[in-house]
Amino acid sequence: MTDATTTLSAADAPNPPRERPFWQSILIHAALVAASVVMLYPLFWMLSGSIKDQNEIFGQASLIPSQFDFSSYYRGWFGGQVTFGTFFWNSTVIAVLSVIGNVMSCSLAAYAFARLRFAGRDLWFALMLGTLMLPYHVTLIPQYILFLKLGWVKTMLPLVVPKFLAVDAFFIFLMVQFFRGIPRELDEAAMMDGCSPWRIYWKIMLPLSLPVLATAAIFSFIWTWDDFFGPLIYLSDINTYTVQLGLRSFVDSTGSSDWSSLFAMSSLSLVPVFLIFLFFQRLLIEGIATAGLKR
């Protein structure tokens, strides 16, 4: 009986995975490296153009310049009516305030949809999801008229204040799905201990939702930092320009364009986005890894 059980157990044991042949691994890695080079070539070309002479950028296809010229960084930073640091500061202020507003307001709205019971909850949630299908340009004119009546045009307020009113339905939907994965037994235990809904949100939901909050914060920062259309509509004073509007000032359709300075400042504008991913990638990976483990 023991021998039969041992034989049956050995037969049911899963077979170890077969190792991939060495030549096949070489081909796969070579293909991945080639695809990475193709994807990163525009970035390499931009970095190369930032240290090339103005006449050499479009004159040769080589990424290695004949002479390294870093003067474009100085021209781009100090050569305009205002320093490029002003644009960086304006973009940083708008992006940071947008991140704070989105995380606060969207998490509150998501907590209400996921945990609280109120009249018409499903209807309001469906209407909120319907706004995801509306293009930004559809609501542009009514919003502009509203902000014009309020006297907010030519200021940063139209770019910041709506973020504190939970206007990004995508982040609300993302957080609702995450909140629904948190066991309700935690809420019930907290209510038995006398916790109010606000205390449950602050002490239980937010600490457990750090991955999804970080994901919303990262994407909110990147989308706000890269936004060009919104600042173009509402900002007209060069002292309030963002980085994206500042980059446009290097291209002149009627005269000469300083391409090397444009590439230099474009390279610097990628640094904040790169740092955000560098410091918060652990939370992103944790959010992806734990999403499938929740009940």
Protein backbone atom coordinates (compact mmCIF):
# COMPACT_ATOMS: atom_id res chain seq x y z
CA MET A 1 0.00 0.00 0.00
CA THR A 2 2.84 2.33 0.85
CA ASP A 3 4.63 1.61 -2.44
CA ALA A 4 1.45 2.28 -4.42
CA THR A 5 0.88 5.58 -2.59
CA THR A 6 4.48 6.60 -3.24
CA THR A 7 4.16 5.73 -6.93
CA LEU A 8 0.89 7.67 -7.22
CA SER A 9 2.35 10.71 -5.48
CA ALA A 10 5.39 10.67 -7.75
CA ALA A 11 3.16 10.48 -10.81
CA ASP A 12 1.01 13.38 -9.64
CA ALA A 13 4.01 15.61 -8.86
CA PRO A 14 4.36 18.48 -11.34
CA ASN A 15 7.20 18.23 -13.79
CA PRO A 16 9.97 20.81 -13.33
CA PRO A 17 9.95 23.54 -15.98
CA ARG A 18 12.21 22.89 -18.92
CA GLU A 19 15.09 25.29 -19.28
CA ARG A 20 15.14 27.43 -22.42
CA PRO A 21 18.01 26.64 -24.80
CA PHE A 22 20.93 29.04 -24.63
CA TRP A 23 20.66 30.14 -28.25
CA GLN A 24 16.96 30.92 -27.79
CA SER A 25 17.72 33.14 -24.77
CA ILE A 26 20.34 34.98 -26.81
CA LEU A 27 17.85 35.65 -29.62
CA ILE A 28 15.15 36.85 -27.22
CA HIS A 29 17.50 39.23 -25.41
CA ALA A 30 18.89 40.52 -28.71
CA ALA A 31 15.37 41.24 -29.95
CA LEU A 32 14.49 43.03 -26.70
CA VAL A 33 17.66 45.15 -26.87
CA ALA A 34 16.94 46.06 -30.49
CA ALA A 35 13.36 47.04 -29.65
CA SER A 36 14.61 49.14 -26.71
CA VAL A 37 17.08 50.97 -28.94
CA VAL A 38 14.33 51.75 -31.46
CA MET A 39 12.05 53.07 -28.72
CA LEU A 40 14.77 55.14 -27.03
CA TYR A 41 16.31 56.51 -30.23
CA PRO A 42 14.19 59.72 -30.21
CA LEU A 43 15.34 60.38 -26.65
CA PHE A 44 18.99 59.78 -27.58
CA TRP A 45 18.58 62.04 -30.61
CA MET A 46 17.15 64.83 -28.46
CA LEU A 47 20.00 64.52 -25.92
CA SER A 48 22.49 64.53 -28.76
CA GLY A 49 20.89 67.59 -30.34
CA SER A 50 21.15 69.50 -27.06
CA ILE A 51 24.97 69.37 -27.20
CA LYS A 52 25.36 69.91 -30.95
CA ASP A 53 25.91 73.09 -32.88
CA GLN A 54 22.74 74.66 -34.28
CA ASN A 55 23.71 73.86 -37.89
CA GLU A 56 24.76 70.32 -37.10
CA ILE A 57 21.48 69.04 -35.64
CA PHE A 58 19.74 68.38 -38.95
CA GLY A 59 22.92 68.18 -41.02
CA GLN A 60 24.03 64.69 -39.99
CA ALA A 61 22.39 61.53 -38.74
CA SER A 62 25.10 60.55 -36.25
CA LEU A 63 24.25 60.80 -32.58
CA ILE A 64 27.84 61.69 -31.67
CA PRO A 65 28.53 65.40 -32.26
CA SER A 66 31.73 66.51 -33.91
CA GLN A 67 32.20 69.01 -31.07
CA PHE A 68 30.47 69.05 -27.71
CA ASP A 69 28.72 72.37 -27.13
CA PHE A 70 26.89 72.84 -23.81
CA SER A 71 26.15 76.52 -24.33
CA SER A 72 22.58 75.66 -25.35
CA TYR A 73 21.78 74.84 -21.71
CA TYR A 74 22.89 78.27 -20.60
CA ARG A 75 21.07 80.00 -23.47
CA GLY A 76 17.91 78.06 -22.85
CA TRP A 77 17.90 78.73 -19.11
CA PHE A 78 18.86 82.43 -19.12
CA GLY A 79 18.32 83.56 -22.71
CA GLY A 80 14.62 84.47 -22.61
CA GLN A 81 12.62 87.33 -21.13
CA VAL A 82 12.45 85.34 -17.90
CA THR A 83 14.65 82.47 -16.78
CA PHE A 84 13.49 78.96 -17.48
CA GLY A 85 13.55 78.37 -13.73
CA THR A 86 10.38 80.48 -13.55
CA PHE A 87 8.63 78.00 -15.85
CA PHE A 88 9.89 75.10 -13.75
CA TRP A 89 8.59 76.74 -10.58
CA ASN A 90 5.17 77.43 -12.10
CA SER A 91 4.84 73.85 -13.36
CA THR A 92 5.96 72.49 -9.99
CA VAL A 93 3.39 74.58 -8.09
CA ILE A 94 0.55 73.54 -10.41
CA ALA A 95 1.59 69.87 -10.42
CA VAL A 96 2.03 69.60 -6.64
CA LEU A 97 -1.28 71.31 -5.91
CA SER A 98 -2.99 69.11 -8.50
CA VAL A 99 -1.57 65.98 -6.88
CA ILE A 100 -2.74 67.07 -3.42
CA GLY A 101 -6.18 68.01 -4.73
CA ASN A 102 -6.68 64.80 -6.70
CA VAL A 103 -5.54 62.49 -3.91
CA MET A 104 -7.69 64.24 -1.30
CA SER A 105 -10.89 64.80 -3.26
CA CYS A 106 -10.87 61.62 -5.35
CA SER A 107 -10.17 59.41 -2.34
CA LEU A 108 -13.05 61.00 -0.44
CA ALA A 109 -15.42 60.55 -3.37
CA ALA A 110 -14.23 56.97 -3.89
CA TYR A 111 -14.72 56.18 -0.19
CA ALA A 112 -18.27 57.49 -0.37
CA PHE A 113 -19.09 55.38 -3.45
CA ALA A 114 -17.39 52.25 -2.08
CA ARG A 115 -18.42 52.30 1.59
CA LEU A 116 -21.25 54.73 2.35
CA ARG A 117 -24.91 54.16 1.56
CA PHE A 118 -26.93 57.12 0.31
CA ALA A 119 -29.86 57.73 -2.01
CA GLY A 120 -28.98 57.48 -5.68
CA ARG A 121 -25.48 56.17 -5.12
CA ASP A 122 -25.51 53.83 -8.11
CA LEU A 123 -27.03 56.52 -10.35
CA TRP A 124 -24.41 59.10 -9.39
CA PHE A 125 -21.64 56.54 -9.85
CA ALA A 126 -22.94 55.71 -13.33
CA LEU A 127 -23.11 59.40 -14.22
CA MET A 128 -19.56 59.85 -12.95
CA LEU A 129 -18.37 56.98 -15.15
CA GLY A 130 -20.20 58.57 -18.08
CA THR A 131 -18.01 61.65 -17.81
CA LEU A 132 -15.04 59.46 -18.74
CA MET A 133 -16.41 59.27 -22.28
CA LEU A 134 -16.65 63.06 -22.67
CA PRO A 135 -13.67 64.60 -24.50
CA TYR A 136 -12.03 67.56 -22.78
CA HIS A 137 -12.88 69.82 -25.70
CA VAL A 138 -16.64 69.28 -25.20
CA THR A 139 -16.63 71.00 -21.80
CA LEU A 140 -13.92 73.53 -22.66
CA ILE A 141 -16.17 76.43 -23.70
CA PRO A 142 -18.60 76.19 -20.73
CA GLN A 143 -15.66 75.92 -18.34
CA TYR A 144 -13.91 78.88 -19.93
CA ILE A 145 -17.05 81.02 -19.64
CA LEU A 146 -17.44 80.00 -16.00
CA PHE A 147 -13.84 80.83 -15.14
CA LEU A 148 -14.09 84.09 -17.09
CA LYS A 149 -17.14 85.13 -15.04
CA LEU A 150 -15.23 84.28 -11.86
CA GLY A 151 -12.25 86.37 -12.98
CA TRP A 152 -9.87 83.38 -12.92
CA VAL A 153 -8.66 83.57 -16.51
CA LYS A 154 -4.97 84.55 -16.81
CA THR A 155 -4.32 82.93 -13.42
CA MET A 156 -3.42 79.40 -12.28
CA LEU A 157 -6.74 78.90 -10.49
CA PRO A 158 -8.55 77.14 -13.42
CA LEU A 159 -5.71 74.61 -13.51
CA VAL A 160 -5.67 73.92 -9.76
CA VAL A 161 -9.06 74.51 -8.12
CA PRO A 162 -11.00 71.84 -10.12
CA LYS A 163 -8.53 69.23 -8.86
CA PHE A 164 -9.84 69.82 -5.32
CA LEU A 165 -13.40 69.09 -6.54
CA ALA A 166 -12.79 65.49 -7.74
CA VAL A 167 -13.12 66.21 -11.46
CA ASP A 168 -10.87 63.31 -12.55
CA ALA A 169 -13.33 60.42 -12.72
CA PHE A 170 -10.62 57.96 -13.71
CA PHE A 171 -8.90 58.23 -10.33
CA ILE A 172 -12.24 57.91 -8.52
CA PHE A 173 -13.03 54.72 -10.42
CA LEU A 174 -9.52 53.37 -9.74
CA MET A 175 -9.82 54.01 -6.00
CA VAL A 176 -13.35 52.65 -5.78
CA GLN A 177 -12.17 49.34 -7.19
CA PHE A 178 -9.33 49.23 -4.69
CA PHE A 179 -11.51 50.20 -1.72
CA ARG A 180 -13.99 47.47 -2.59
CA GLY A 181 -11.18 44.94 -2.22
CA ILE A 182 -10.57 45.90 1.41
CA PRO A 183 -12.57 43.62 3.75
CA ARG A 184 -15.65 45.27 5.23
CA GLU A 185 -15.00 43.47 8.51
CA LEU A 186 -12.44 46.16 9.27
CA ASP A 187 -15.12 48.85 8.98
CA GLU A 188 -17.52 46.88 11.15
CA ALA A 189 -14.90 46.32 13.84
CA ALA A 190 -14.01 50.02 13.82
CA MET A 191 -17.69 51.01 14.09
CA MET A 192 -18.08 48.72 17.09
CA ASP A 193 -15.19 50.59 18.69
CA GLY A 194 -16.99 53.88 18.11
CA CYS A 195 -15.22 55.14 14.99
CA SER A 196 -17.08 57.58 12.75
CA PRO A 197 -17.02 57.23 8.93
CA TRP A 198 -14.44 60.02 8.76
CA ARG A 199 -12.18 58.23 11.25
CA ILE A 200 -12.55 54.95 9.37
CA TYR A 201 -11.52 56.73 6.19
CA TRP A 202 -8.54 58.45 7.83
CA LYS A 203 -7.26 55.65 10.07
CA ILE A 204 -8.10 52.52 8.09
CA MET A 205 -8.79 53.15 4.41
CA LEU A 206 -5.96 55.57 3.64
CA PRO A 207 -3.13 53.56 5.27
CA LEU A 208 -4.28 50.39 3.49
CA SER A 209 -4.66 52.22 0.16
CA LEU A 210 -1.17 53.65 -0.08
CA PRO A 211 -0.34 51.85 -3.39
CA VAL A 212 -3.41 53.16 -5.22
CA LEU A 213 -2.91 56.65 -3.75
CA ALA A 214 0.68 56.63 -4.97
CA THR A 215 -0.45 55.48 -8.41
CA ALA A 216 -2.99 58.30 -8.62
CA ALA A 217 -0.41 60.82 -7.40
CA ILE A 218 2.21 59.72 -9.95
CA PHE A 219 -0.11 59.82 -12.94
CA SER A 220 -1.67 63.08 -11.77
CA PHE A 221 1.78 64.67 -11.55
CA ILE A 222 2.85 63.43 -14.97
CA TRP A 223 -0.37 64.43 -16.72
CA THR A 224 -0.30 67.88 -15.14
CA TRP A 225 3.40 68.40 -15.85
CA ASP A 226 2.97 67.42 -19.51
CA ASP A 227 -0.26 69.35 -20.01
CA PHE A 228 0.01 71.91 -22.78
CA PHE A 229 -3.56 72.67 -23.81
CA GLY A 230 -4.86 73.81 -20.43
CA PRO A 231 -2.09 76.37 -19.73
CA LEU A 232 -2.31 77.53 -23.35
CA ILE A 233 -6.00 78.41 -22.88
CA TYR A 234 -5.87 80.07 -19.47
CA LEU A 235 -2.36 81.57 -19.15
CA SER A 236 -1.28 84.60 -21.15
CA ASP A 237 1.36 86.26 -18.93
CA ILE A 238 4.86 84.90 -19.56
CA ASN A 239 5.58 85.07 -15.83
CA THR A 240 2.91 82.41 -15.25
CA TYR A 241 3.92 80.12 -18.14
CA THR A 242 4.55 76.46 -17.44
CA VAL A 243 7.42 74.39 -18.83
CA GLN A 244 5.41 73.28 -21.86
CA LEU A 245 4.55 76.86 -22.84
CA GLY A 246 8.15 77.88 -22.19
CA LEU A 247 9.38 75.23 -24.63
CA ARG A 248 7.10 76.64 -27.31
CA SER A 249 8.88 80.00 -27.05
CA PHE A 250 12.05 78.50 -28.61
CA VAL A 251 10.21 77.77 -31.88
CA ASP A 252 9.39 80.76 -34.05
CA SER A 253 7.38 80.10 -37.20
CA THR A 254 8.23 83.50 -38.67
CA GLY A 255 11.91 83.71 -37.75
CA SER A 256 14.79 81.59 -36.54
CA SER A 257 14.27 78.80 -34.02
CA ASP A 258 16.80 77.84 -31.37
CA TRP A 259 16.56 74.07 -31.70
CA SER A 260 19.55 73.21 -29.54
CA SER A 261 18.16 75.24 -26.63
CA LEU A 262 14.77 73.62 -27.17
CA PHE A 263 16.30 70.15 -26.94
CA ALA A 264 18.36 71.15 -23.90
CA MET A 265 15.37 72.42 -21.94
CA SER A 266 13.27 69.47 -23.11
CA SER A 267 15.90 67.16 -21.66
CA LEU A 268 15.80 69.01 -18.35
CA SER A 269 12.01 68.88 -18.29
CA LEU A 270 12.20 65.07 -18.23
CA VAL A 271 14.20 65.04 -14.99
CA PRO A 272 11.24 65.58 -12.57
CA VAL A 273 9.21 62.82 -14.27
CA PHE A 274 12.20 60.46 -14.13
CA LEU A 275 12.76 61.20 -10.44
CA ILE A 276 9.09 60.58 -9.63
CA PHE A 277 9.27 57.14 -11.21
CA LEU A 278 12.64 56.44 -9.57
CA PHE A 279 11.47 57.15 -6.03
CA PHE A 280 7.93 55.76 -6.23
CA GLN A 281 8.35 52.72 -8.45
CA ARG A 282 8.31 50.45 -5.37
CA LEU A 283 4.79 51.61 -4.53
CA LEU A 284 3.69 51.06 -8.12
CA ILE A 285 5.05 47.51 -8.12
CA GLU A 286 3.52 46.87 -4.72
CA GLY A 287 0.14 48.06 -5.93
CA ILE A 288 0.27 45.75 -8.95
CA ALA A 289 1.48 42.81 -6.86
CA THR A 290 -1.11 43.16 -4.08
CA ALA A 291 -4.11 43.91 -6.29
CA GLY A 292 -4.60 40.25 -7.09
CA LEU A 293 -4.26 39.15 -3.45
CA LYS A 294 -7.23 41.09 -2.07
CA ARG A 295 -10.47 39.30 -1.49
